[in-house]
């Protein structure tokens, strides 16, 4: 069954981000499984989840709220990626920050569009 969020590039790209985070954290030290690894994976999974949840709600106002939460999770994940680089778990050339920036921009564009529609 296809839902309306399945057609959103934002949701599709955020799913790709989840996959990339799981792959990147797979090589983290074992002692990080309940630390940074788990936090990064939870933050990443929450992004497409919040997009889907917001799209499944009854109105534009709720969708806007959940998109804002998803952007907060993107910022959280960005910080965790930088920390992982600081700790030497990811190298500086990791594509994660680029993917996060791209998804953040898509979310911002959709937010702006929805806010304009809601204010009309």
PDB file of N, CA and C in Angstrom:
ATOM      1  N   UNK A   1       0.841  -1.182   0.000  1.00  0.00           N
ATOM      2  CA  UNK A   1       0.000   0.000   0.000  1.00  0.00           C
ATOM      3  C   UNK A   1       0.886   1.245   0.000  1.00  0.00           C
ATOM      4  N   UNK A   2       0.648   2.117  -0.940  1.00  0.00           N
ATOM      5  CA  UNK A   2       1.426   3.357  -1.024  1.00  0.00           C
ATOM      6  C   UNK A   2       0.695   4.477  -0.313  1.00  0.00           C
ATOM      7  N   UNK A   3       1.438   5.175   0.479  1.00  0.00           N
ATOM      8  CA  UNK A   3       0.916   6.353   1.173  1.00  0.00           C
ATOM      9  C   UNK A   3       1.488   7.590   0.487  1.00  0.00           C
ATOM     10  N   UNK A   4       0.898   8.759   0.785  1.00  0.00           N
ATOM     11  CA  UNK A   4       1.321   9.968   0.082  1.00  0.00           C
ATOM     12  C   UNK A   4       2.775  10.341   0.341  1.00  0.00           C
ATOM     13  N   UNK A   5       3.313  10.001   1.504  1.00  0.00           N
ATOM     14  CA  UNK A   5       4.704  10.359   1.789  1.00  0.00           C
ATOM     15  C   UNK A   5       5.683   9.514   0.977  1.00  0.00           C
ATOM     16  N   UNK A   6       5.238   8.386   0.445  1.00  0.00           N
ATOM     17  CA  UNK A   6       6.128   7.544  -0.367  1.00  0.00           C
ATOM     18  C   UNK A   6       6.617   8.279  -1.613  1.00  0.00           C
ATOM     19  N   UNK A   7       5.852   9.231  -2.095  1.00  0.00           N
ATOM     20  CA  UNK A   7       6.212   9.987  -3.291  1.00  0.00           C
ATOM     21  C   UNK A   7       7.112  11.192  -2.992  1.00  0.00           C
ATOM     22  N   UNK A   8       7.315  11.496  -1.734  1.00  0.00           N
ATOM     23  CA  UNK A   8       8.131  12.653  -1.371  1.00  0.00           C
ATOM     24  C   UNK A   8       9.616  12.330  -1.516  1.00  0.00           C
ATOM     25  N   UNK A   9      10.319  13.142  -2.291  1.00  0.00           N
ATOM     26  CA  UNK A   9      11.770  12.973  -2.418  1.00  0.00           C
ATOM     27  C   UNK A   9      12.434  13.091  -1.048  1.00  0.00           C
ATOM     28  N   UNK A  10      11.899  13.941  -0.207  1.00  0.00           N
ATOM     29  CA  UNK A  10      12.425  14.113   1.146  1.00  0.00           C
ATOM     30  C   UNK A  10      12.398  12.794   1.908  1.00  0.00           C
ATOM     31  N   UNK A  11      11.300  12.080   1.848  1.00  0.00           N
ATOM     32  CA  UNK A  11      11.185  10.801   2.562  1.00  0.00           C
ATOM     33  C   UNK A  11      12.128   9.763   1.954  1.00  0.00           C
ATOM     34  N   UNK A  12      12.181   9.730   0.638  1.00  0.00           N
ATOM     35  CA  UNK A  12      13.057   8.773  -0.053  1.00  0.00           C
ATOM     36  C   UNK A  12      14.524   9.026   0.285  1.00  0.00           C
ATOM     37  N   UNK A  13      14.933  10.282   0.239  1.00  0.00           N
ATOM     38  CA  UNK A  13      16.332  10.623   0.543  1.00  0.00           C
ATOM     39  C   UNK A  13      16.663  10.399   2.010  1.00  0.00           C
ATOM     40  N   UNK A  14      15.699  10.624   2.884  1.00  0.00           N
ATOM     41  CA  UNK A  14      15.962  10.398   4.304  1.00  0.00           C
ATOM     42  C   UNK A  14      16.097   8.902   4.595  1.00  0.00           C
ATOM     43  N   UNK A  15      15.417   8.070   3.848  1.00  0.00           N
ATOM     44  CA  UNK A  15      15.603   6.614   3.971  1.00  0.00           C
ATOM     45  C   UNK A  15      17.017   6.219   3.524  1.00  0.00           C
ATOM     46  N   UNK A  16      17.489   6.837   2.443  1.00  0.00           N
ATOM     47  CA  UNK A  16      18.857   6.574   1.979  1.00  0.00           C
ATOM     48  C   UNK A  16      19.874   7.017   3.039  1.00  0.00           C
ATOM     49  N   UNK A  17      19.575   8.107   3.729  1.00  0.00           N
ATOM     50  CA  UNK A  17      20.437   8.581   4.804  1.00  0.00           C
ATOM     51  C   UNK A  17      20.515   7.546   5.926  1.00  0.00           C
ATOM     52  N   UNK A  18      19.389   6.947   6.266  1.00  0.00           N
ATOM     53  CA  UNK A  18      19.375   5.916   7.306  1.00  0.00           C
ATOM     54  C   UNK A  18      20.315   4.779   6.914  1.00  0.00           C
ATOM     55  N   UNK A  19      20.208   4.342   5.685  1.00  0.00           N
ATOM     56  CA  UNK A  19      21.059   3.247   5.214  1.00  0.00           C
ATOM     57  C   UNK A  19      22.533   3.638   5.317  1.00  0.00           C
ATOM     58  N   UNK A  20      22.849   4.853   4.921  1.00  0.00           N
ATOM     59  CA  UNK A  20      24.232   5.326   4.968  1.00  0.00           C
ATOM     60  C   UNK A  20      24.744   5.397   6.411  1.00  0.00           C
ATOM     61  N   UNK A  21      23.890   5.830   7.331  1.00  0.00           N
ATOM     62  CA  UNK A  21      24.285   5.899   8.741  1.00  0.00           C
ATOM     63  C   UNK A  21      24.547   4.494   9.284  1.00  0.00           C
ATOM     64  N   UNK A  22      23.665   3.560   8.966  1.00  0.00           N
ATOM     65  CA  UNK A  22      23.869   2.181   9.435  1.00  0.00           C
ATOM     66  C   UNK A  22      25.175   1.606   8.896  1.00  0.00           C
ATOM     67  N   UNK A  23      25.453   1.862   7.636  1.00  0.00           N
ATOM     68  CA  UNK A  23      26.699   1.364   7.049  1.00  0.00           C
ATOM     69  C   UNK A  23      27.917   2.016   7.709  1.00  0.00           C
ATOM     70  N   UNK A  24      27.851   3.318   7.925  1.00  0.00           N
ATOM     71  CA  UNK A  24      28.982   4.048   8.507  1.00  0.00           C
ATOM     72  C   UNK A  24      29.241   3.635   9.952  1.00  0.00           C
ATOM     73  N   UNK A  25      28.188   3.386  10.702  1.00  0.00           N
ATOM     74  CA  UNK A  25      28.357   3.051  12.113  1.00  0.00           C
ATOM     75  C   UNK A  25      28.677   1.571  12.330  1.00  0.00           C
ATOM     76  N   UNK A  26      28.585   0.780  11.299  1.00  0.00           N
ATOM     77  CA  UNK A  26      28.884  -0.643  11.409  1.00  0.00           C
ATOM     78  C   UNK A  26      30.312  -0.930  11.805  1.00  0.00           C
ATOM     79  N   UNK A  27      31.207   0.006  11.522  1.00  0.00           N
ATOM     80  CA  UNK A  27      32.626  -0.176  11.851  1.00  0.00           C
ATOM     81  C   UNK A  27      33.044   0.557  13.130  1.00  0.00           C
ATOM     82  N   UNK A  28      32.089   1.154  13.830  1.00  0.00           N
ATOM     83  CA  UNK A  28      32.420   1.839  15.072  1.00  0.00           C
ATOM     84  C   UNK A  28      32.867   0.800  16.108  1.00  0.00           C
ATOM     85  N   UNK A  29      33.631   1.232  17.101  1.00  0.00           N
ATOM     86  CA  UNK A  29      34.063   0.300  18.141  1.00  0.00           C
ATOM     87  C   UNK A  29      32.863  -0.352  18.844  1.00  0.00           C
ATOM     88  N   UNK A  30      33.043  -1.574  19.235  1.00  0.00           N
ATOM     89  CA  UNK A  30      31.979  -2.344  19.892  1.00  0.00           C
ATOM     90  C   UNK A  30      31.437  -1.626  21.129  1.00  0.00           C
ATOM     91  N   UNK A  31      32.315  -0.953  21.860  1.00  0.00           N
ATOM     92  CA  UNK A  31      31.867  -0.285  23.088  1.00  0.00           C
ATOM     93  C   UNK A  31      30.926   0.894  22.812  1.00  0.00           C
ATOM     94  N   UNK A  32      30.804   1.300  21.549  1.00  0.00           N
ATOM     95  CA  UNK A  32      29.906   2.396  21.177  1.00  0.00           C
ATOM     96  C   UNK A  32      28.510   1.909  20.787  1.00  0.00           C
ATOM     97  N   UNK A  33      28.266   0.609  20.826  1.00  0.00           N
ATOM     98  CA  UNK A  33      26.990   0.082  20.361  1.00  0.00           C
ATOM     99  C   UNK A  33      25.810   0.710  21.116  1.00  0.00           C
ATOM    100  N   UNK A  34      25.976   0.976  22.395  1.00  0.00           N
ATOM    101  CA  UNK A  34      24.906   1.599  23.184  1.00  0.00           C
ATOM    102  C   UNK A  34      25.141   3.096  23.371  1.00  0.00           C
ATOM    103  N   UNK A  35      26.205   3.590  22.771  1.00  0.00           N
ATOM    104  CA  UNK A  35      26.539   5.005  22.859  1.00  0.00           C
ATOM    105  C   UNK A  35      26.263   5.702  21.540  1.00  0.00           C
ATOM    106  N   UNK A  36      27.319   6.179  20.935  1.00  0.00           N
ATOM    107  CA  UNK A  36      27.200   6.977  19.721  1.00  0.00           C
ATOM    108  C   UNK A  36      26.555   6.214  18.564  1.00  0.00           C
ATOM    109  N   UNK A  37      26.870   4.937  18.420  1.00  0.00           N
ATOM    110  CA  UNK A  37      26.259   4.138  17.342  1.00  0.00           C
ATOM    111  C   UNK A  37      24.752   4.138  17.475  1.00  0.00           C
ATOM    112  N   UNK A  38      24.272   3.808  18.654  1.00  0.00           N
ATOM    113  CA  UNK A  38      22.825   3.752  18.883  1.00  0.00           C
ATOM    114  C   UNK A  38      22.162   5.108  18.723  1.00  0.00           C
ATOM    115  N   UNK A  39      22.799   6.148  19.227  1.00  0.00           N
ATOM    116  CA  UNK A  39      22.229   7.488  19.123  1.00  0.00           C
ATOM    117  C   UNK A  39      22.128   7.935  17.670  1.00  0.00           C
ATOM    118  N   UNK A  40      23.177   7.681  16.898  1.00  0.00           N
ATOM    119  CA  UNK A  40      23.152   8.084  15.488  1.00  0.00           C
ATOM    120  C   UNK A  40      22.083   7.324  14.721  1.00  0.00           C
ATOM    121  N   UNK A  41      21.974   6.047  14.997  1.00  0.00           N
ATOM    122  CA  UNK A  41      20.967   5.237  14.298  1.00  0.00           C
ATOM    123  C   UNK A  41      19.556   5.667  14.678  1.00  0.00           C
ATOM    124  N   UNK A  42      19.325   5.935  15.949  1.00  0.00           N
ATOM    125  CA  UNK A  42      17.984   6.381  16.370  1.00  0.00           C
ATOM    126  C   UNK A  42      17.638   7.734  15.753  1.00  0.00           C
ATOM    127  N   UNK A  43      18.596   8.657  15.753  1.00  0.00           N
ATOM    128  CA  UNK A  43      18.338   9.976  15.165  1.00  0.00           C
ATOM    129  C   UNK A  43      18.022   9.837  13.681  1.00  0.00           C
ATOM    130  N   UNK A  44      18.791   9.002  12.979  1.00  0.00           N
ATOM    131  CA  UNK A  44      18.578   8.818  11.544  1.00  0.00           C
ATOM    132  C   UNK A  44      17.209   8.201  11.266  1.00  0.00           C
ATOM    133  N   UNK A  45      16.850   7.169  12.012  1.00  0.00           N
ATOM    134  CA  UNK A  45      15.566   6.490  11.796  1.00  0.00           C
ATOM    135  C   UNK A  45      14.399   7.421  12.098  1.00  0.00           C
ATOM    136  N   UNK A  46      14.585   8.321  13.048  1.00  0.00           N
ATOM    137  CA  UNK A  46      13.483   9.218  13.404  1.00  0.00           C
ATOM    138  C   UNK A  46      13.139  10.196  12.279  1.00  0.00           C
ATOM    139  N   UNK A  47      14.078  10.460  11.385  1.00  0.00           N
ATOM    140  CA  UNK A  47      13.832  11.455  10.327  1.00  0.00           C
ATOM    141  C   UNK A  47      12.745  10.999   9.354  1.00  0.00           C
ATOM    142  N   UNK A  48      12.902   9.879   8.638  1.00  0.00           N
ATOM    143  CA  UNK A  48      11.807   9.468   7.751  1.00  0.00           C
ATOM    144  C   UNK A  48      10.553   9.079   8.535  1.00  0.00           C
ATOM    145  N   UNK A  49      10.733   8.629   9.775  1.00  0.00           N
ATOM    146  CA  UNK A  49       9.577   8.263  10.596  1.00  0.00           C
ATOM    147  C   UNK A  49       8.710   9.480  10.894  1.00  0.00           C
ATOM    148  N   UNK A  50       9.339  10.590  11.257  1.00  0.00           N
ATOM    149  CA  UNK A  50       8.580  11.816  11.555  1.00  0.00           C
ATOM    150  C   UNK A  50       7.951  12.398  10.293  1.00  0.00           C
ATOM    151  N   UNK A  51       8.647  12.286   9.173  1.00  0.00           N
ATOM    152  CA  UNK A  51       8.073  12.755   7.909  1.00  0.00           C
ATOM    153  C   UNK A  51       6.812  11.957   7.593  1.00  0.00           C
ATOM    154  N   UNK A  52       6.903  10.645   7.735  1.00  0.00           N
ATOM    155  CA  UNK A  52       5.747   9.776   7.470  1.00  0.00           C
ATOM    156  C   UNK A  52       4.613  10.058   8.452  1.00  0.00           C
ATOM    157  N   UNK A  53       4.967  10.210   9.720  1.00  0.00           N
ATOM    158  CA  UNK A  53       3.935  10.473  10.725  1.00  0.00           C
ATOM    159  C   UNK A  53       3.224  11.790  10.451  1.00  0.00           C
ATOM    160  N   UNK A  54       3.997  12.814  10.126  1.00  0.00           N
ATOM    161  CA  UNK A  54       3.382  14.107   9.826  1.00  0.00           C
ATOM    162  C   UNK A  54       2.501  14.062   8.601  1.00  0.00           C
ATOM    163  N   UNK A  55       2.948  13.354   7.568  1.00  0.00           N
ATOM    164  CA  UNK A  55       2.149  13.238   6.342  1.00  0.00           C
ATOM    165  C   UNK A  55       0.855  12.469   6.588  1.00  0.00           C
ATOM    166  N   UNK A  56       0.883  11.579   7.567  1.00  0.00           N
ATOM    167  CA  UNK A  56      -0.300  10.779   7.867  1.00  0.00           C
ATOM    168  C   UNK A  56      -1.286  11.459   8.802  1.00  0.00           C
ATOM    169  N   UNK A  57      -0.930  12.603   9.299  1.00  0.00           N
ATOM    170  CA  UNK A  57      -1.821  13.345  10.197  1.00  0.00           C
ATOM    171  C   UNK A  57      -2.925  14.035   9.405  1.00  0.00           C
ATOM    172  N   UNK A  58      -3.808  14.693  10.135  1.00  0.00           N
ATOM    173  CA  UNK A  58      -5.011  15.246   9.509  1.00  0.00           C
ATOM    174  C   UNK A  58      -4.838  16.571   8.807  1.00  0.00           C
ATOM    175  N   UNK A  59      -3.824  17.329   9.128  1.00  0.00           N
ATOM    176  CA  UNK A  59      -3.753  18.648   8.528  1.00  0.00           C
ATOM    177  C   UNK A  59      -2.351  19.130   8.265  1.00  0.00           C
ATOM    178  N   UNK A  60      -2.296  20.249   7.554  1.00  0.00           N
ATOM    179  CA  UNK A  60      -1.025  20.852   7.178  1.00  0.00           C
ATOM    180  C   UNK A  60      -0.256  21.318   8.414  1.00  0.00           C
ATOM    181  N   UNK A  61      -0.964  21.877   9.380  1.00  0.00           N
ATOM    182  CA  UNK A  61      -0.305  22.383  10.586  1.00  0.00           C
ATOM    183  C   UNK A  61       0.461  21.269  11.293  1.00  0.00           C
ATOM    184  N   UNK A  62      -0.141  20.081  11.391  1.00  0.00           N
ATOM    185  CA  UNK A  62       0.546  18.961  12.033  1.00  0.00           C
ATOM    186  C   UNK A  62       1.733  18.482  11.202  1.00  0.00           C
ATOM    187  N   UNK A  63       1.571  18.473   9.886  1.00  0.00           N
ATOM    188  CA  UNK A  63       2.678  18.067   9.013  1.00  0.00           C
ATOM    189  C   UNK A  63       3.859  19.013   9.201  1.00  0.00           C
ATOM    190  N   UNK A  64       3.583  20.316   9.259  1.00  0.00           N
ATOM    191  CA  UNK A  64       4.631  21.309   9.490  1.00  0.00           C
ATOM    192  C   UNK A  64       5.350  21.029  10.811  1.00  0.00           C
ATOM    193  N   UNK A  65       4.601  20.717  11.851  1.00  0.00           N
ATOM    194  CA  UNK A  65       5.188  20.433  13.156  1.00  0.00           C
ATOM    195  C   UNK A  65       6.125  19.226  13.077  1.00  0.00           C
ATOM    196  N   UNK A  66       5.701  18.154  12.414  1.00  0.00           N
ATOM    197  CA  UNK A  66       6.528  16.955  12.332  1.00  0.00           C
ATOM    198  C   UNK A  66       7.736  17.150  11.422  1.00  0.00           C
ATOM    199  N   UNK A  67       7.602  17.977  10.392  1.00  0.00           N
ATOM    200  CA  UNK A  67       8.766  18.299   9.561  1.00  0.00           C
ATOM    201  C   UNK A  67       9.795  19.085  10.377  1.00  0.00           C
ATOM    202  N   UNK A  68       9.317  19.948  11.237  1.00  0.00           N
ATOM    203  CA  UNK A  68      10.229  20.702  12.109  1.00  0.00           C
ATOM    204  C   UNK A  68      10.965  19.767  13.056  1.00  0.00           C
ATOM    205  N   UNK A  69      10.267  18.775  13.578  1.00  0.00           N
ATOM    206  CA  UNK A  69      10.895  17.789  14.455  1.00  0.00           C
ATOM    207  C   UNK A  69      11.940  16.988  13.679  1.00  0.00           C
ATOM    208  N   UNK A  70      11.621  16.613  12.442  1.00  0.00           N
ATOM    209  CA  UNK A  70      12.560  15.873  11.597  1.00  0.00           C
ATOM    210  C   UNK A  70      13.822  16.703  11.362  1.00  0.00           C
ATOM    211  N   UNK A  71      13.662  18.008  11.153  1.00  0.00           N
ATOM    212  CA  UNK A  71      14.846  18.860  10.975  1.00  0.00           C
ATOM    213  C   UNK A  71      15.667  18.933  12.253  1.00  0.00           C
ATOM    214  N   UNK A  72      15.012  18.906  13.388  1.00  0.00           N
ATOM    215  CA  UNK A  72      15.739  18.857  14.649  1.00  0.00           C
ATOM    216  C   UNK A  72      16.566  17.582  14.760  1.00  0.00           C
ATOM    217  N   UNK A  73      15.990  16.464  14.318  1.00  0.00           N
ATOM    218  CA  UNK A  73      16.728  15.199  14.322  1.00  0.00           C
ATOM    219  C   UNK A  73      17.898  15.243  13.351  1.00  0.00           C
ATOM    220  N   UNK A  74      17.727  15.929  12.233  1.00  0.00           N
ATOM    221  CA  UNK A  74      18.831  16.098  11.285  1.00  0.00           C
ATOM    222  C   UNK A  74      19.980  16.884  11.926  1.00  0.00           C
ATOM    223  N   UNK A  75      19.644  17.918  12.667  1.00  0.00           N
ATOM    224  CA  UNK A  75      20.679  18.700  13.356  1.00  0.00           C
ATOM    225  C   UNK A  75      21.366  17.867  14.428  1.00  0.00           C
ATOM    226  N   UNK A  76      20.596  17.057  15.131  1.00  0.00           N
ATOM    227  CA  UNK A  76      21.165  16.152  16.128  1.00  0.00           C
ATOM    228  C   UNK A  76      22.134  15.179  15.463  1.00  0.00           C
ATOM    229  N   UNK A  77      21.703  14.583  14.352  1.00  0.00           N
ATOM    230  CA  UNK A  77      22.547  13.632  13.631  1.00  0.00           C
ATOM    231  C   UNK A  77      23.806  14.311  13.104  1.00  0.00           C
ATOM    232  N   UNK A  78      23.681  15.526  12.606  1.00  0.00           N
ATOM    233  CA  UNK A  78      24.847  16.257  12.115  1.00  0.00           C
ATOM    234  C   UNK A  78      25.888  16.414  13.230  1.00  0.00           C
ATOM    235  N   UNK A  79      25.439  16.787  14.412  1.00  0.00           N
ATOM    236  CA  UNK A  79      26.339  16.938  15.553  1.00  0.00           C
ATOM    237  C   UNK A  79      27.011  15.611  15.885  1.00  0.00           C
ATOM    238  N   UNK A  80      26.264  14.540  15.838  1.00  0.00           N
ATOM    239  CA  UNK A  80      26.820  13.223  16.143  1.00  0.00           C
ATOM    240  C   UNK A  80      27.841  12.783  15.099  1.00  0.00           C
ATOM    241  N   UNK A  81      27.609  13.121  13.846  1.00  0.00           N
ATOM    242  CA  UNK A  81      28.585  12.804  12.794  1.00  0.00           C
ATOM    243  C   UNK A  81      29.882  13.573  13.038  1.00  0.00           C
ATOM    244  N   UNK A  82      29.764  14.844  13.376  1.00  0.00           N
ATOM    245  CA  UNK A  82      30.956  15.649  13.673  1.00  0.00           C
ATOM    246  C   UNK A  82      31.703  15.068  14.876  1.00  0.00           C
ATOM    247  N   UNK A  83      30.960  14.657  15.900  1.00  0.00           N
ATOM    248  CA  UNK A  83      31.601  14.034  17.061  1.00  0.00           C
ATOM    249  C   UNK A  83      32.300  12.731  16.680  1.00  0.00           C
ATOM    250  N   UNK A  84      31.668  11.946  15.822  1.00  0.00           N
ATOM    251  CA  UNK A  84      32.281  10.689  15.365  1.00  0.00           C
ATOM    252  C   UNK A  84      33.570  10.975  14.599  1.00  0.00           C
ATOM    253  N   UNK A  85      33.577  12.067  13.834  1.00  0.00           N
ATOM    254  CA  UNK A  85      34.804  12.465  13.142  1.00  0.00           C
ATOM    255  C   UNK A  85      35.857  12.909  14.153  1.00  0.00           C
ATOM    256  N   UNK A  86      35.442  13.689  15.151  1.00  0.00           N
ATOM    257  CA  UNK A  86      36.368  14.142  16.187  1.00  0.00           C
ATOM    258  C   UNK A  86      37.019  12.965  16.915  1.00  0.00           C
ATOM    259  N   UNK A  87      36.244  11.902  17.106  1.00  0.00           N
ATOM    260  CA  UNK A  87      36.735  10.725  17.820  1.00  0.00           C
ATOM    261  C   UNK A  87      37.503   9.757  16.919  1.00  0.00           C
ATOM    262  N   UNK A  88      37.541  10.062  15.626  1.00  0.00           N
ATOM    263  CA  UNK A  88      38.270   9.217  14.690  1.00  0.00           C
ATOM    264  C   UNK A  88      37.499   8.008  14.196  1.00  0.00           C
ATOM    265  N   UNK A  89      36.186   7.980  14.436  1.00  0.00           N
ATOM    266  CA  UNK A  89      35.365   6.856  13.980  1.00  0.00           C
ATOM    267  C   UNK A  89      34.957   7.007  12.521  1.00  0.00           C
ATOM    268  N   UNK A  90      34.891   8.232  12.049  1.00  0.00           N
ATOM    269  CA  UNK A  90      34.587   8.537  10.648  1.00  0.00           C
ATOM    270  C   UNK A  90      35.683   9.442  10.125  1.00  0.00           C
ATOM    271  N   UNK A  91      36.063   9.260   8.875  1.00  0.00           N
ATOM    272  CA  UNK A  91      37.067  10.183   8.345  1.00  0.00           C
ATOM    273  C   UNK A  91      36.375  11.437   7.842  1.00  0.00           C
ATOM    274  N   UNK A  92      37.161  12.459   7.656  1.00  0.00           N
ATOM    275  CA  UNK A  92      36.640  13.781   7.305  1.00  0.00           C
ATOM    276  C   UNK A  92      35.967  13.813   5.934  1.00  0.00           C
ATOM    277  N   UNK A  93      36.202  12.801   5.130  1.00  0.00           N
ATOM    278  CA  UNK A  93      35.615  12.785   3.792  1.00  0.00           C
ATOM    279  C   UNK A  93      34.284  12.043   3.750  1.00  0.00           C
ATOM    280  N   UNK A  94      33.755  11.692   4.908  1.00  0.00           N
ATOM    281  CA  UNK A  94      32.473  11.002   4.962  1.00  0.00           C
ATOM    282  C   UNK A  94      31.416  11.820   4.223  1.00  0.00           C
ATOM    283  N   UNK A  95      30.605  11.152   3.435  1.00  0.00           N
ATOM    284  CA  UNK A  95      29.553  11.830   2.665  1.00  0.00           C
ATOM    285  C   UNK A  95      28.310  12.090   3.510  1.00  0.00           C
ATOM    286  N   UNK A  96      28.331  11.668   4.758  1.00  0.00           N
ATOM    287  CA  UNK A  96      27.154  11.838   5.608  1.00  0.00           C
ATOM    288  C   UNK A  96      26.746  13.300   5.771  1.00  0.00           C
ATOM    289  N   UNK A  97      27.700  14.182   5.976  1.00  0.00           N
ATOM    290  CA  UNK A  97      27.353  15.594   6.179  1.00  0.00           C
ATOM    291  C   UNK A  97      26.716  16.199   4.936  1.00  0.00           C
ATOM    292  N   UNK A  98      27.182  15.789   3.766  1.00  0.00           N
ATOM    293  CA  UNK A  98      26.565  16.269   2.521  1.00  0.00           C
ATOM    294  C   UNK A  98      25.140  15.771   2.405  1.00  0.00           C
ATOM    295  N   UNK A  99      24.919  14.497   2.703  1.00  0.00           N
ATOM    296  CA  UNK A  99      23.575  13.922   2.630  1.00  0.00           C
ATOM    297  C   UNK A  99      22.650  14.591   3.634  1.00  0.00           C
ATOM    298  N   UNK A 100      23.152  14.827   4.846  1.00  0.00           N
ATOM    299  CA  UNK A 100      22.356  15.509   5.866  1.00  0.00           C
ATOM    300  C   UNK A 100      21.973  16.907   5.387  1.00  0.00           C
ATOM    301  N   UNK A 101      22.934  17.625   4.816  1.00  0.00           N
ATOM    302  CA  UNK A 101      22.650  18.973   4.303  1.00  0.00           C
ATOM    303  C   UNK A 101      21.616  18.961   3.203  1.00  0.00           C
ATOM    304  N   UNK A 102      21.692  17.991   2.331  1.00  0.00           N
ATOM    305  CA  UNK A 102      20.732  17.869   1.241  1.00  0.00           C
ATOM    306  C   UNK A 102      19.323  17.590   1.766  1.00  0.00           C
ATOM    307  N   UNK A 103      19.217  16.661   2.707  1.00  0.00           N
ATOM    308  CA  UNK A 103      17.906  16.332   3.289  1.00  0.00           C
ATOM    309  C   UNK A 103      17.370  17.532   4.071  1.00  0.00           C
ATOM    310  N   UNK A 104      18.255  18.232   4.778  1.00  0.00           N
ATOM    311  CA  UNK A 104      17.847  19.422   5.528  1.00  0.00           C
ATOM    312  C   UNK A 104      17.260  20.474   4.591  1.00  0.00           C
ATOM    313  N   UNK A 105      17.906  20.674   3.441  1.00  0.00           N
ATOM    314  CA  UNK A 105      17.417  21.648   2.455  1.00  0.00           C
ATOM    315  C   UNK A 105      16.066  21.237   1.885  1.00  0.00           C
ATOM    316  N   UNK A 106      15.925  19.960   1.573  1.00  0.00           N
ATOM    317  CA  UNK A 106      14.637  19.473   1.064  1.00  0.00           C
ATOM    318  C   UNK A 106      13.522  19.701   2.085  1.00  0.00           C
ATOM    319  N   UNK A 107      13.830  19.409   3.339  1.00  0.00           N
ATOM    320  CA  UNK A 107      12.838  19.609   4.399  1.00  0.00           C
ATOM    321  C   UNK A 107      12.479  21.087   4.525  1.00  0.00           C
ATOM    322  N   UNK A 108      13.484  21.944   4.421  1.00  0.00           N
ATOM    323  CA  UNK A 108      13.230  23.387   4.489  1.00  0.00           C
ATOM    324  C   UNK A 108      12.364  23.872   3.352  1.00  0.00           C
ATOM    325  N   UNK A 109      12.621  23.352   2.150  1.00  0.00           N
ATOM    326  CA  UNK A 109      11.801  23.729   1.002  1.00  0.00           C
ATOM    327  C   UNK A 109      10.359  23.296   1.161  1.00  0.00           C
ATOM    328  N   UNK A 110      10.157  22.075   1.647  1.00  0.00           N
ATOM    329  CA  UNK A 110       8.795  21.590   1.862  1.00  0.00           C
ATOM    330  C   UNK A 110       8.115  22.375   2.974  1.00  0.00           C
ATOM    331  N   UNK A 111       8.849  22.678   4.024  1.00  0.00           N
ATOM    332  CA  UNK A 111       8.290  23.490   5.113  1.00  0.00           C
ATOM    333  C   UNK A 111       7.832  24.856   4.612  1.00  0.00           C
ATOM    334  N   UNK A 112       8.681  25.510   3.836  1.00  0.00           N
ATOM    335  CA  UNK A 112       8.341  26.831   3.303  1.00  0.00           C
ATOM    336  C   UNK A 112       7.092  26.759   2.427  1.00  0.00           C
ATOM    337  N   UNK A 113       7.035  25.756   1.571  1.00  0.00           N
ATOM    338  CA  UNK A 113       5.881  25.570   0.704  1.00  0.00           C
ATOM    339  C   UNK A 113       4.600  25.349   1.514  1.00  0.00           C
ATOM    340  N   UNK A 114       4.682  24.498   2.505  1.00  0.00           N
ATOM    341  CA  UNK A 114       3.493  24.206   3.338  1.00  0.00           C
ATOM    342  C   UNK A 114       3.080  25.415   4.151  1.00  0.00           C
ATOM    343  N   UNK A 115       4.052  26.145   4.662  1.00  0.00           N
ATOM    344  CA  UNK A 115       3.729  27.337   5.451  1.00  0.00           C
ATOM    345  C   UNK A 115       3.043  28.391   4.602  1.00  0.00           C
ATOM    346  N   UNK A 116       3.479  28.544   3.354  1.00  0.00           N
ATOM    347  CA  UNK A 116       2.830  29.497   2.452  1.00  0.00           C
ATOM    348  C   UNK A 116       1.403  29.066   2.173  1.00  0.00           C
ATOM    349  N   UNK A 117       1.225  27.773   1.917  1.00  0.00           N
ATOM    350  CA  UNK A 117      -0.115  27.255   1.620  1.00  0.00           C
ATOM    351  C   UNK A 117      -1.014  27.396   2.835  1.00  0.00           C
ATOM    352  N   UNK A 118      -0.471  27.155   4.026  1.00  0.00           N
ATOM    353  CA  UNK A 118      -1.258  27.223   5.235  1.00  0.00           C
ATOM    354  C   UNK A 118      -1.666  28.652   5.558  1.00  0.00           C
ATOM    355  N   UNK A 119      -0.820  29.626   5.227  1.00  0.00           N
ATOM    356  CA  UNK A 119      -1.112  31.025   5.557  1.00  0.00           C
ATOM    357  C   UNK A 119      -2.061  31.679   4.556  1.00  0.00           C
ATOM    358  N   UNK A 120      -2.300  31.012   3.442  1.00  0.00           N
ATOM    359  CA  UNK A 120      -3.191  31.602   2.420  1.00  0.00           C
ATOM    360  C   UNK A 120      -4.633  31.439   2.784  1.00  0.00           C
TER     361      UNK A 120
END
